[in-house]
Protein backbone atom coordinates (compact mmCIF):
# COMPACT_ATOMS: atom_id res chain seq x y z
CA UNK A 1 5.47 16.70 21.86
CA UNK A 2 3.35 18.38 19.19
CA UNK A 3 0.12 16.90 17.80
CA UNK A 4 0.08 15.24 14.38
CA UNK A 5 -2.20 17.81 12.76
CA UNK A 6 -0.83 17.78 9.20
CA UNK A 7 -0.99 15.25 6.39
CA UNK A 8 2.17 14.78 4.32
CA UNK A 9 1.85 14.30 0.55
CA UNK A 10 2.41 10.65 -0.30
CA UNK A 11 3.22 11.87 -3.83
CA UNK A 12 5.29 15.07 -3.79
CA UNK A 13 3.44 17.76 -5.75
CA UNK A 14 6.49 18.64 -7.87
CA UNK A 15 6.84 14.95 -8.84
CA UNK A 16 3.17 14.77 -9.84
CA UNK A 17 3.57 17.88 -12.01
CA UNK A 18 6.73 16.42 -13.56
CA UNK A 19 4.97 13.30 -14.84
CA UNK A 20 1.49 14.81 -15.36
CA UNK A 21 2.38 18.27 -16.68
CA UNK A 22 -1.15 19.19 -17.73
CA UNK A 23 -2.97 17.90 -14.66
CA UNK A 24 -6.13 19.91 -13.98
CA UNK A 25 -9.79 19.36 -13.20
CA UNK A 26 -10.43 19.03 -16.94
CA UNK A 27 -7.35 16.82 -17.52
CA UNK A 28 -7.16 14.64 -14.40
CA UNK A 29 -5.13 11.57 -13.56
CA UNK A 30 -6.56 8.60 -11.66
CA UNK A 31 -5.56 6.98 -8.39
CA UNK A 32 -5.95 3.22 -8.07
CA UNK A 33 -6.60 1.71 -4.63
CA UNK A 34 -6.33 -1.78 -3.13
CA UNK A 35 -5.31 -3.42 -6.43
CA UNK A 36 -8.62 -2.41 -8.01
CA UNK A 37 -9.33 -0.03 -10.89
CA UNK A 38 -11.17 2.42 -8.66
CA UNK A 39 -10.21 5.37 -10.88
CA UNK A 40 -10.37 8.02 -8.16
CA UNK A 41 -10.24 11.27 -10.11
CA UNK A 42 -7.33 13.60 -9.19
CA UNK A 43 -7.32 17.07 -10.75
CA UNK A 44 -4.55 18.73 -8.73
CA UNK A 45 -1.01 17.85 -7.69
CA UNK A 46 -1.94 18.91 -4.14
CA UNK A 47 -5.23 17.00 -3.92
CA UNK A 48 -6.17 15.62 -0.50
CA UNK A 49 -6.45 12.15 -2.06
CA UNK A 50 -2.69 12.23 -2.49
CA UNK A 51 -1.98 12.86 1.19
CA UNK A 52 -1.44 10.60 4.17
CA UNK A 53 -3.81 10.95 7.11
CA UNK A 54 -2.69 13.56 9.64
CA UNK A 55 0.37 12.18 11.41
CA UNK A 56 2.98 14.96 11.55
CA UNK A 57 2.88 18.40 13.17
CA UNK A 58 2.35 21.39 10.87
CA UNK A 59 5.66 23.02 11.81
CA UNK A 60 7.58 19.79 11.13
CA UNK A 61 5.82 19.29 7.81
CA UNK A 62 6.48 22.86 6.67
CA UNK A 63 9.28 25.04 8.05
CA UNK A 64 11.38 22.29 9.65
CA UNK A 65 11.44 19.86 6.73
CA UNK A 66 11.08 22.23 3.77
CA UNK A 67 14.83 21.98 2.97
CA UNK A 68 14.41 18.20 2.70
CA UNK A 69 11.49 18.58 0.28
CA UNK A 70 13.44 21.07 -1.84
CA UNK A 71 16.50 18.81 -1.97
CA UNK A 72 14.46 15.89 -3.30
CA UNK A 73 12.65 18.20 -5.75
CA UNK A 74 16.02 19.26 -7.14
CA UNK A 75 17.45 15.73 -7.31
CA UNK A 76 14.25 14.33 -8.79
CA UNK A 77 14.30 17.00 -11.51
CA UNK A 78 17.96 16.27 -12.25
CA UNK A 79 17.33 12.52 -12.50
CA UNK A 80 14.26 12.84 -14.73
CA UNK A 81 16.01 15.30 -17.05
CA UNK A 82 19.02 13.07 -17.64
CA UNK A 83 17.62 9.61 -16.98
CA UNK A 84 18.49 7.86 -20.31
CA UNK A 85 22.13 8.89 -19.92
CA UNK A 86 22.16 7.93 -16.24
CA UNK A 87 20.72 4.48 -17.01
CA UNK A 88 23.30 3.93 -19.75
CA UNK A 89 26.08 4.92 -17.35
CA UNK A 90 24.61 2.94 -14.46
CA UNK A 91 25.20 5.68 -11.90
CA UNK A 92 24.93 9.39 -11.21
CA UNK A 93 27.05 11.99 -9.44
CA UNK A 94 25.39 13.85 -6.55
CA UNK A 95 27.76 16.78 -7.03
CA UNK A 96 26.25 17.37 -10.49
CA UNK A 97 22.83 17.88 -8.94
CA UNK A 98 24.22 19.76 -5.93
CA UNK A 99 27.51 21.43 -6.98
CA UNK A 100 27.63 23.90 -4.09
CA UNK A 101 26.58 21.85 -1.07
CA UNK A 102 26.70 18.18 -2.00
CA UNK A 103 27.07 16.71 1.49
CA UNK A 104 24.33 18.81 3.10
CA UNK A 105 21.94 18.25 0.19
CA UNK A 106 22.57 14.50 0.28
CA UNK A 107 21.60 14.47 3.96
CA UNK A 108 18.44 16.44 3.14
CA UNK A 109 17.44 13.94 0.43
CA UNK A 110 17.93 11.14 2.95
CA UNK A 111 15.78 12.99 5.50
CA UNK A 112 13.05 13.58 2.90
CA UNK A 113 12.66 9.82 2.59
CA UNK A 114 12.97 9.32 6.35
CA UNK A 115 9.97 11.65 6.70
CA UNK A 116 7.96 10.03 3.91
CA UNK A 117 8.76 6.50 5.06
CA UNK A 118 7.86 7.36 8.65
CA UNK A 119 4.45 8.64 7.49
CA UNK A 120 3.98 5.47 5.44
CA UNK A 121 4.88 3.20 8.36
CA UNK A 122 2.46 5.11 10.60
CA UNK A 123 -0.31 4.86 7.98
CA UNK A 124 0.09 1.09 7.74
CA UNK A 125 0.53 0.57 11.48
CA UNK A 126 3.82 -1.28 11.16
CA UNK A 127 5.52 -2.33 14.41
CA UNK A 128 8.61 -0.16 13.88
CA UNK A 129 9.66 2.42 16.45
CA UNK A 130 9.14 5.84 14.86
CA UNK A 131 11.01 7.75 17.59
CA UNK A 132 14.35 7.48 15.72
CA UNK A 133 12.62 8.79 12.56
CA UNK A 134 11.34 11.80 14.50
CA UNK A 135 14.73 12.37 16.13
CA UNK A 136 16.52 12.33 12.78
CA UNK A 137 14.15 14.97 11.41
CA UNK A 138 14.22 17.18 14.50
CA UNK A 139 18.03 17.08 14.83
CA UNK A 140 18.75 16.98 11.08
CA UNK A 141 20.94 13.91 11.47
CA UNK A 142 21.01 10.61 9.62
CA UNK A 143 18.79 7.69 10.51
CA UNK A 144 21.38 4.88 10.69
CA UNK A 145 18.86 2.15 9.85
CA UNK A 146 17.33 3.75 6.72
CA UNK A 147 18.94 3.63 3.28
CA UNK A 148 17.70 3.91 -0.30
CA UNK A 149 18.36 2.24 -3.63
CA UNK A 150 17.53 3.79 -7.00
CA UNK A 151 16.62 1.79 -10.11
CA UNK A 152 15.19 2.11 -13.60
CA UNK A 153 11.48 1.26 -13.68
CA UNK A 154 10.51 -1.63 -15.98
CA UNK A 155 6.86 -0.61 -16.25
CA UNK A 156 5.71 0.22 -19.78
CA UNK A 157 6.21 3.92 -20.52
CA UNK A 158 3.09 5.93 -19.70
CA UNK A 159 1.25 3.02 -18.06
CA UNK A 160 1.95 4.14 -14.50
CA UNK A 161 2.98 7.71 -13.72
CA UNK A 162 3.73 7.25 -10.02
CA UNK A 163 3.46 4.46 -7.50
CA UNK A 164 3.36 4.20 -3.71
CA UNK A 165 3.74 0.54 -2.77
CA UNK A 166 2.68 -1.21 0.39
CA UNK A 167 5.41 -1.66 3.00
CA UNK A 168 6.85 -5.17 2.90
CA UNK A 169 8.33 -6.45 6.15
CA UNK A 170 10.84 -9.12 7.14
CA UNK A 171 10.64 -10.88 10.51
CA UNK A 172 13.02 -13.05 12.51
CA UNK A 173 11.82 -16.64 12.12
CA UNK A 174 12.03 -17.69 15.76
CA UNK A 175 10.88 -14.60 17.65
CA UNK A 176 8.72 -13.06 14.94
CA UNK A 177 10.39 -9.71 15.66
CA UNK A 178 10.31 -7.27 12.75
CA UNK A 179 13.87 -6.82 11.51
CA UNK A 180 13.40 -5.03 8.19
CA UNK A 181 11.02 -3.26 5.83
CA UNK A 182 11.04 -2.01 2.24
CA UNK A 183 8.84 0.45 0.36
CA UNK A 184 8.84 1.72 -3.21
CA UNK A 185 8.28 5.34 -4.30
CA UNK A 186 8.13 5.57 -8.08
CA UNK A 187 8.27 8.69 -10.27
CA UNK A 188 8.31 6.92 -13.61
CA UNK A 189 10.89 5.90 -14.67
CA UNK A 190 12.87 6.68 -11.49
CA UNK A 191 12.24 4.02 -8.84
CA UNK A 192 13.34 4.75 -5.26
CA UNK A 193 13.20 1.87 -2.80
CA UNK A 194 13.49 2.85 0.87
CA UNK A 195 14.90 0.22 3.23
CA UNK A 196 14.74 -0.11 7.01
CA UNK A 197 17.11 -2.70 8.48
CA UNK A 198 17.26 -2.96 12.24
CA UNK A 199 20.76 -2.66 13.71
CA UNK A 200 22.27 -6.12 14.12
CA UNK A 201 19.81 -7.83 11.77
CA UNK A 202 21.28 -10.28 9.27
CA UNK A 203 19.61 -8.57 6.31
CA UNK A 204 20.89 -6.51 3.43
CA UNK A 205 19.34 -4.34 0.74
CA UNK A 206 19.65 -5.82 -2.75
CA UNK A 207 21.74 -3.75 -5.13
CA UNK A 208 23.70 -0.66 -4.15
CA UNK A 209 22.12 0.93 -1.07
CA UNK A 210 23.00 4.57 -0.53
CA UNK A 211 23.33 6.30 2.84
CA UNK A 212 24.74 9.82 3.43
CA UNK A 213 27.15 8.58 6.09
CA UNK A 214 29.11 6.65 3.49
CA UNK A 215 31.94 8.37 1.62
CA UNK A 216 31.69 9.23 -2.05
CA UNK A 217 29.33 11.17 -4.28
CA UNK A 218 28.59 8.48 -6.90
CA UNK A 219 25.30 6.59 -6.53
CA UNK A 220 25.09 3.35 -8.51
CA UNK A 221 21.76 2.22 -9.91
CA UNK A 222 20.38 -1.00 -8.48
CA UNK A 223 18.42 -3.78 -10.22
CA UNK A 224 14.66 -3.35 -10.39
CA UNK A 225 13.81 -6.43 -8.33
CA UNK A 226 11.86 -7.44 -5.25
CA UNK A 227 8.39 -7.72 -3.76
CA UNK A 228 7.61 -4.01 -3.86
CA UNK A 229 7.45 -3.72 -7.64
CA UNK A 230 4.07 -2.39 -8.87
CA UNK A 231 1.65 -3.65 -11.47
CA UNK A 232 -0.80 -0.72 -11.59
CA UNK A 233 -2.32 -1.92 -8.34
CA UNK A 234 -2.75 -0.32 -4.94
CA UNK A 235 -1.26 3.15 -4.85
CA UNK A 236 -0.77 3.62 -8.59
CA UNK A 237 -1.34 6.98 -10.23
CA UNK A 238 -2.23 6.48 -13.88
CA UNK A 239 -3.00 8.80 -16.80
CA UNK A 240 -6.46 9.24 -18.26
CA UNK A 241 -7.14 6.98 -21.22
């Protein structure tokens, strides 16, 4: 067991640069916290303000999971570049983003969000066992209880650049046991909702959840619905006025 001595970026630096191309100390963006217009100044895509507290070992956050980061960076770039066409079609083809190694890259994208979601759950102290998250990363295998949906953001263009929602949880009515959780990661206008549904729970993700264990390379867009949708509140990254 290695110590959690590294803080993962809650907003991937390449995503920040994609939506705030001229970010610098002289042309900052602003981070909103706790649903208040706190306007925390951010002048770099790798600013400490955009990181989680230390919760993952340095080796895991760098060498071990770098392929996962690179896979999402590539898919994110592909989606942003062709988003109007993708929205019109209602789906996208993973093999277009990853023509040489579609299956492996799809797994790596999944594991990128397993890592990010695990850090988010740890940061918020949610009562979800993180051991399976760690195992998936260490063994480079799927997490069977984590899936994602992708949707078109309905936020006004330019109003919110990125968004990191709170984690919303679902509990069993009688026992109070946590059976599911959902979290939104937004790179405007691409909205990725990450879902955790405990095995055996009578829950389902709204829309068209994607998981690398399922056959096929086509990912359908899902409706932009649910409790995790932002309104420039906690976790929003906005442009300077």
